[in-house]
Amino acid sequence: MNKIIVYGIPNCDTIKKTLDWYKNKNISVEFVDYKKSGISTEKLAGWCKKVGYEVLLNKKSTTWRSLDPAVQQKITNEKVAIQLMQEYTSIIKRPVVEINGNILVGFNETNFSKQ
């Protein structure tokens, strides 16, 4: 079995649902709370290369909606999106799951089952 790492924040309902899904399948995962540990530029850049910053940046989140519109308009490329995601980790779509050298973004049982 390959190592599975779930990234997110523990009080998020989607993270709880994700961790419960793996637990119910008796699949061991490592959980990384990026509210506590932060998230590196390198990690975010790697994810962006795989799925694009537009997928990772949750523009439906409360955090995004609370940003000043002038700040929102400045998010036009990967570099500034990564800076924003590091500053406001709760703006990263959850969960981000690393498995088999791939990443899955968002809760999707079908995608989880395929891994």
N, C-alpha and C. Protein backbone atom coordinates (compact mmCIF):
# COMPACT_ATOMS: atom_id res chain seq x y z
N MET A 1 0.86 -1.19 0.00
CA MET A 1 0.00 0.00 0.00
C MET A 1 0.89 1.24 0.00
N ASN A 2 0.56 2.16 -0.84
CA ASN A 2 1.30 3.41 -0.91
C ASN A 2 0.88 4.34 0.21
N LYS A 3 1.81 5.22 0.56
CA LYS A 3 1.54 6.20 1.60
C LYS A 3 0.53 7.23 1.08
N ILE A 4 -0.47 7.51 1.89
CA ILE A 4 -1.49 8.49 1.54
C ILE A 4 -1.39 9.62 2.55
N ILE A 5 -1.29 10.84 2.04
CA ILE A 5 -1.22 12.02 2.90
C ILE A 5 -2.41 12.91 2.57
N VAL A 6 -3.16 13.24 3.59
CA VAL A 6 -4.31 14.13 3.46
C VAL A 6 -3.92 15.48 4.07
N TYR A 7 -4.04 16.54 3.28
CA TYR A 7 -3.72 17.89 3.74
C TYR A 7 -5.01 18.67 3.95
N GLY A 8 -5.05 19.44 5.01
CA GLY A 8 -6.21 20.28 5.26
C GLY A 8 -6.17 20.88 6.65
N ILE A 9 -7.35 21.24 7.13
CA ILE A 9 -7.49 21.77 8.49
C ILE A 9 -8.52 20.91 9.22
N PRO A 10 -8.24 20.56 10.47
CA PRO A 10 -9.04 19.54 11.15
C PRO A 10 -10.49 19.91 11.42
N ASN A 11 -10.82 21.18 11.53
CA ASN A 11 -12.20 21.54 11.83
C ASN A 11 -13.07 21.65 10.58
N CYS A 12 -12.54 21.32 9.43
CA CYS A 12 -13.27 21.38 8.16
C CYS A 12 -14.13 20.12 8.01
N ASP A 13 -15.41 20.30 7.72
CA ASP A 13 -16.32 19.17 7.55
C ASP A 13 -15.88 18.24 6.43
N THR A 14 -15.35 18.80 5.35
CA THR A 14 -14.90 17.98 4.22
C THR A 14 -13.69 17.14 4.61
N ILE A 15 -12.81 17.70 5.42
CA ILE A 15 -11.66 16.93 5.91
C ILE A 15 -12.14 15.80 6.81
N LYS A 16 -13.07 16.11 7.70
CA LYS A 16 -13.62 15.07 8.58
C LYS A 16 -14.24 13.94 7.76
N LYS A 17 -14.99 14.32 6.73
CA LYS A 17 -15.62 13.34 5.85
C LYS A 17 -14.57 12.49 5.13
N THR A 18 -13.51 13.13 4.68
CA THR A 18 -12.42 12.43 3.99
C THR A 18 -11.73 11.44 4.92
N LEU A 19 -11.36 11.90 6.11
CA LEU A 19 -10.67 11.03 7.06
C LEU A 19 -11.57 9.87 7.48
N ASP A 20 -12.87 10.15 7.66
CA ASP A 20 -13.81 9.08 7.99
C ASP A 20 -13.93 8.07 6.86
N TRP A 21 -13.93 8.55 5.61
CA TRP A 21 -14.03 7.66 4.46
C TRP A 21 -12.87 6.68 4.47
N TYR A 22 -11.64 7.19 4.63
CA TYR A 22 -10.47 6.32 4.67
C TYR A 22 -10.52 5.37 5.87
N LYS A 23 -10.92 5.89 7.02
CA LYS A 23 -11.01 5.06 8.23
C LYS A 23 -12.00 3.92 8.02
N ASN A 24 -13.16 4.21 7.45
CA ASN A 24 -14.18 3.18 7.20
C ASN A 24 -13.72 2.13 6.21
N LYS A 25 -12.75 2.47 5.37
CA LYS A 25 -12.18 1.51 4.41
C LYS A 25 -10.94 0.83 4.99
N ASN A 26 -10.63 1.11 6.26
CA ASN A 26 -9.44 0.57 6.93
C ASN A 26 -8.16 0.92 6.18
N ILE A 27 -8.11 2.15 5.67
CA ILE A 27 -6.93 2.64 4.96
C ILE A 27 -6.25 3.67 5.84
N SER A 28 -5.00 3.43 6.14
CA SER A 28 -4.23 4.32 7.00
C SER A 28 -3.74 5.53 6.19
N VAL A 29 -3.93 6.70 6.76
CA VAL A 29 -3.46 7.93 6.12
C VAL A 29 -2.70 8.77 7.12
N GLU A 30 -1.84 9.62 6.59
CA GLU A 30 -1.17 10.63 7.41
C GLU A 30 -1.94 11.93 7.18
N PHE A 31 -2.22 12.66 8.25
CA PHE A 31 -2.92 13.93 8.12
C PHE A 31 -1.96 15.07 8.41
N VAL A 32 -1.92 16.05 7.52
CA VAL A 32 -1.10 17.24 7.70
C VAL A 32 -2.02 18.44 7.85
N ASP A 33 -1.95 19.06 9.02
CA ASP A 33 -2.75 20.25 9.32
C ASP A 33 -1.92 21.46 8.92
N TYR A 34 -2.23 22.04 7.75
CA TYR A 34 -1.41 23.17 7.31
C TYR A 34 -1.80 24.48 7.97
N LYS A 35 -2.80 24.45 8.83
CA LYS A 35 -3.07 25.61 9.68
C LYS A 35 -1.96 25.72 10.72
N LYS A 36 -1.52 24.55 11.22
CA LYS A 36 -0.46 24.51 12.24
C LYS A 36 0.93 24.49 11.63
N SER A 37 1.11 23.65 10.63
CA SER A 37 2.46 23.44 10.09
C SER A 37 2.81 24.36 8.92
N GLY A 38 1.81 25.03 8.37
CA GLY A 38 2.05 25.85 7.19
C GLY A 38 2.19 24.96 5.96
N ILE A 39 2.48 25.59 4.85
CA ILE A 39 2.64 24.85 3.59
C ILE A 39 3.73 25.55 2.80
N SER A 40 4.66 24.80 2.30
CA SER A 40 5.82 25.40 1.62
C SER A 40 5.49 25.86 0.21
N THR A 41 6.27 26.81 -0.24
CA THR A 41 6.16 27.28 -1.62
C THR A 41 6.39 26.12 -2.58
N GLU A 42 7.36 25.29 -2.26
CA GLU A 42 7.70 24.15 -3.12
C GLU A 42 6.53 23.17 -3.23
N LYS A 43 5.88 22.89 -2.10
CA LYS A 43 4.75 21.96 -2.10
C LYS A 43 3.61 22.53 -2.95
N LEU A 44 3.28 23.80 -2.72
CA LEU A 44 2.19 24.42 -3.49
C LEU A 44 2.53 24.49 -4.98
N ALA A 45 3.79 24.82 -5.29
CA ALA A 45 4.21 24.89 -6.70
C ALA A 45 4.09 23.51 -7.35
N GLY A 46 4.47 22.46 -6.63
CA GLY A 46 4.35 21.10 -7.16
C GLY A 46 2.90 20.73 -7.43
N TRP A 47 2.02 21.08 -6.49
CA TRP A 47 0.60 20.82 -6.70
C TRP A 47 0.07 21.60 -7.89
N CYS A 48 0.49 22.86 -7.99
CA CYS A 48 0.04 23.70 -9.10
C CYS A 48 0.46 23.13 -10.45
N LYS A 49 1.66 22.56 -10.51
CA LYS A 49 2.13 21.95 -11.75
C LYS A 49 1.23 20.77 -12.15
N LYS A 50 0.70 20.07 -11.16
CA LYS A 50 -0.12 18.90 -11.44
C LYS A 50 -1.58 19.23 -11.75
N VAL A 51 -2.14 20.23 -11.05
CA VAL A 51 -3.57 20.50 -11.24
C VAL A 51 -3.89 21.96 -11.58
N GLY A 52 -2.92 22.84 -11.46
CA GLY A 52 -3.16 24.26 -11.72
C GLY A 52 -3.62 25.00 -10.47
N TYR A 53 -3.17 26.23 -10.34
CA TYR A 53 -3.53 27.00 -9.15
C TYR A 53 -5.02 27.28 -9.08
N GLU A 54 -5.67 27.33 -10.23
CA GLU A 54 -7.10 27.62 -10.26
C GLU A 54 -7.91 26.54 -9.54
N VAL A 55 -7.43 25.29 -9.58
CA VAL A 55 -8.11 24.19 -8.90
C VAL A 55 -7.88 24.28 -7.39
N LEU A 56 -6.67 24.64 -7.00
CA LEU A 56 -6.33 24.69 -5.58
C LEU A 56 -6.93 25.89 -4.85
N LEU A 57 -7.06 27.00 -5.53
CA LEU A 57 -7.55 28.23 -4.93
C LEU A 57 -9.08 28.19 -4.86
N ASN A 58 -9.60 28.10 -3.66
CA ASN A 58 -11.05 27.95 -3.48
C ASN A 58 -11.73 29.32 -3.45
N LYS A 59 -12.21 29.72 -4.61
CA LYS A 59 -12.87 31.03 -4.73
C LYS A 59 -14.30 31.02 -4.20
N LYS A 60 -14.76 29.87 -3.75
CA LYS A 60 -16.09 29.79 -3.13
C LYS A 60 -15.99 29.88 -1.60
N SER A 61 -14.78 29.92 -1.09
CA SER A 61 -14.59 29.89 0.36
C SER A 61 -14.94 31.23 1.02
N THR A 62 -15.23 31.14 2.29
CA THR A 62 -15.49 32.33 3.09
C THR A 62 -14.25 33.22 3.10
N THR A 63 -13.09 32.61 3.15
CA THR A 63 -11.84 33.38 3.17
C THR A 63 -11.70 34.21 1.90
N TRP A 64 -11.95 33.60 0.74
CA TRP A 64 -11.87 34.33 -0.53
C TRP A 64 -12.88 35.47 -0.56
N ARG A 65 -14.09 35.18 -0.18
CA ARG A 65 -15.15 36.19 -0.22
C ARG A 65 -14.87 37.34 0.74
N SER A 66 -14.10 37.09 1.80
CA SER A 66 -13.81 38.15 2.77
C SER A 66 -12.64 39.04 2.34
N LEU A 67 -11.92 38.62 1.29
CA LEU A 67 -10.80 39.43 0.79
C LEU A 67 -11.31 40.68 0.10
N ASP A 68 -10.53 41.72 0.19
CA ASP A 68 -10.83 42.95 -0.53
C ASP A 68 -10.84 42.65 -2.03
N PRO A 69 -11.81 43.17 -2.77
CA PRO A 69 -11.86 42.92 -4.22
C PRO A 69 -10.56 43.29 -4.94
N ALA A 70 -9.85 44.30 -4.45
CA ALA A 70 -8.58 44.68 -5.07
C ALA A 70 -7.55 43.56 -4.91
N VAL A 71 -7.56 42.87 -3.78
CA VAL A 71 -6.66 41.74 -3.56
C VAL A 71 -7.06 40.59 -4.48
N GLN A 72 -8.35 40.32 -4.57
CA GLN A 72 -8.83 39.24 -5.44
C GLN A 72 -8.39 39.46 -6.89
N GLN A 73 -8.48 40.69 -7.35
CA GLN A 73 -8.14 40.99 -8.75
C GLN A 73 -6.65 40.81 -9.04
N LYS A 74 -5.82 40.84 -8.01
CA LYS A 74 -4.37 40.67 -8.21
C LYS A 74 -3.97 39.21 -8.39
N ILE A 75 -4.88 38.29 -8.14
CA ILE A 75 -4.56 36.86 -8.24
C ILE A 75 -4.73 36.43 -9.69
N THR A 76 -3.70 36.68 -10.48
CA THR A 76 -3.78 36.43 -11.92
C THR A 76 -2.76 35.41 -12.41
N ASN A 77 -1.91 34.91 -11.49
CA ASN A 77 -0.93 33.92 -11.91
C ASN A 77 -0.55 33.03 -10.73
N GLU A 78 0.17 31.99 -11.02
CA GLU A 78 0.54 30.99 -10.01
C GLU A 78 1.34 31.60 -8.87
N LYS A 79 2.28 32.46 -9.17
CA LYS A 79 3.15 33.02 -8.13
C LYS A 79 2.35 33.77 -7.06
N VAL A 80 1.47 34.66 -7.48
CA VAL A 80 0.69 35.43 -6.50
C VAL A 80 -0.36 34.55 -5.83
N ALA A 81 -0.87 33.56 -6.53
CA ALA A 81 -1.83 32.63 -5.93
C ALA A 81 -1.15 31.83 -4.82
N ILE A 82 0.07 31.37 -5.05
CA ILE A 82 0.81 30.62 -4.03
C ILE A 82 1.07 31.50 -2.81
N GLN A 83 1.45 32.74 -3.03
CA GLN A 83 1.68 33.65 -1.90
C GLN A 83 0.40 33.80 -1.07
N LEU A 84 -0.73 33.95 -1.76
CA LEU A 84 -2.00 34.10 -1.07
C LEU A 84 -2.35 32.82 -0.29
N MET A 85 -2.14 31.65 -0.91
CA MET A 85 -2.46 30.38 -0.26
C MET A 85 -1.58 30.15 0.96
N GLN A 86 -0.34 30.63 0.92
CA GLN A 86 0.53 30.50 2.09
C GLN A 86 0.06 31.43 3.21
N GLU A 87 -0.38 32.60 2.85
CA GLU A 87 -0.83 33.56 3.85
C GLU A 87 -2.17 33.14 4.46
N TYR A 88 -3.07 32.63 3.62
CA TYR A 88 -4.40 32.21 4.04
C TYR A 88 -4.60 30.74 3.67
N THR A 89 -4.07 29.84 4.50
CA THR A 89 -4.13 28.41 4.15
C THR A 89 -5.57 27.90 4.04
N SER A 90 -6.51 28.55 4.69
CA SER A 90 -7.89 28.09 4.61
C SER A 90 -8.53 28.38 3.25
N ILE A 91 -7.80 29.06 2.38
CA ILE A 91 -8.29 29.35 1.02
C ILE A 91 -7.96 28.21 0.05
N ILE A 92 -7.16 27.24 0.52
CA ILE A 92 -6.81 26.08 -0.32
C ILE A 92 -7.99 25.10 -0.28
N LYS A 93 -8.43 24.68 -1.45
CA LYS A 93 -9.54 23.72 -1.55
C LYS A 93 -9.15 22.45 -0.79
N ARG A 94 -10.14 21.88 -0.11
CA ARG A 94 -9.87 20.71 0.71
C ARG A 94 -10.76 19.55 0.30
N PRO A 95 -10.21 18.36 0.53
CA PRO A 95 -8.84 18.05 0.90
C PRO A 95 -7.91 18.07 -0.31
N VAL A 96 -6.63 18.08 -0.03
CA VAL A 96 -5.63 17.74 -1.03
C VAL A 96 -5.04 16.42 -0.55
N VAL A 97 -5.12 15.40 -1.40
CA VAL A 97 -4.65 14.06 -1.04
C VAL A 97 -3.51 13.69 -1.97
N GLU A 98 -2.36 13.37 -1.38
CA GLU A 98 -1.22 12.87 -2.16
C GLU A 98 -1.21 11.35 -2.06
N ILE A 99 -1.19 10.71 -3.24
CA ILE A 99 -1.17 9.25 -3.29
C ILE A 99 -0.59 8.81 -4.63
N ASN A 100 0.29 7.86 -4.60
CA ASN A 100 0.88 7.30 -5.82
C ASN A 100 1.50 8.36 -6.72
N GLY A 101 2.08 9.39 -6.14
CA GLY A 101 2.70 10.45 -6.94
C GLY A 101 1.71 11.41 -7.56
N ASN A 102 0.42 11.22 -7.28
CA ASN A 102 -0.62 12.10 -7.81
C ASN A 102 -1.24 12.89 -6.67
N ILE A 103 -2.03 13.88 -7.03
CA ILE A 103 -2.83 14.55 -6.02
C ILE A 103 -4.28 14.57 -6.46
N LEU A 104 -5.13 14.46 -5.47
CA LEU A 104 -6.57 14.58 -5.66
C LEU A 104 -7.01 15.80 -4.88
N VAL A 105 -7.85 16.62 -5.48
CA VAL A 105 -8.31 17.84 -4.81
C VAL A 105 -9.82 17.77 -4.68
N GLY A 106 -10.30 17.91 -3.45
CA GLY A 106 -11.73 17.84 -3.18
C GLY A 106 -12.15 16.43 -2.83
N PHE A 107 -13.27 16.33 -2.13
CA PHE A 107 -13.78 15.02 -1.73
C PHE A 107 -14.51 14.37 -2.89
N ASN A 108 -14.03 13.19 -3.28
CA ASN A 108 -14.66 12.45 -4.38
C ASN A 108 -14.40 10.96 -4.16
N GLU A 109 -15.43 10.27 -3.67
CA GLU A 109 -15.28 8.84 -3.35
C GLU A 109 -14.82 8.02 -4.54
N THR A 110 -15.32 8.32 -5.71
CA THR A 110 -14.94 7.56 -6.91
C THR A 110 -13.45 7.70 -7.17
N ASN A 111 -12.93 8.91 -7.10
CA ASN A 111 -11.49 9.12 -7.31
C ASN A 111 -10.66 8.47 -6.20
N PHE A 112 -11.13 8.55 -4.96
CA PHE A 112 -10.43 7.92 -3.85
C PHE A 112 -10.36 6.41 -4.07
N SER A 113 -11.45 5.81 -4.52
CA SER A 113 -11.51 4.37 -4.73
C SER A 113 -10.58 3.88 -5.82
N LYS A 114 -10.31 4.73 -6.80
CA LYS A 114 -9.46 4.34 -7.93
C LYS A 114 -7.99 4.29 -7.54
N GLN A 115 -7.62 4.90 -6.46
CA GLN A 115 -6.20 4.99 -6.10
C GLN A 115 -5.72 3.78 -5.37
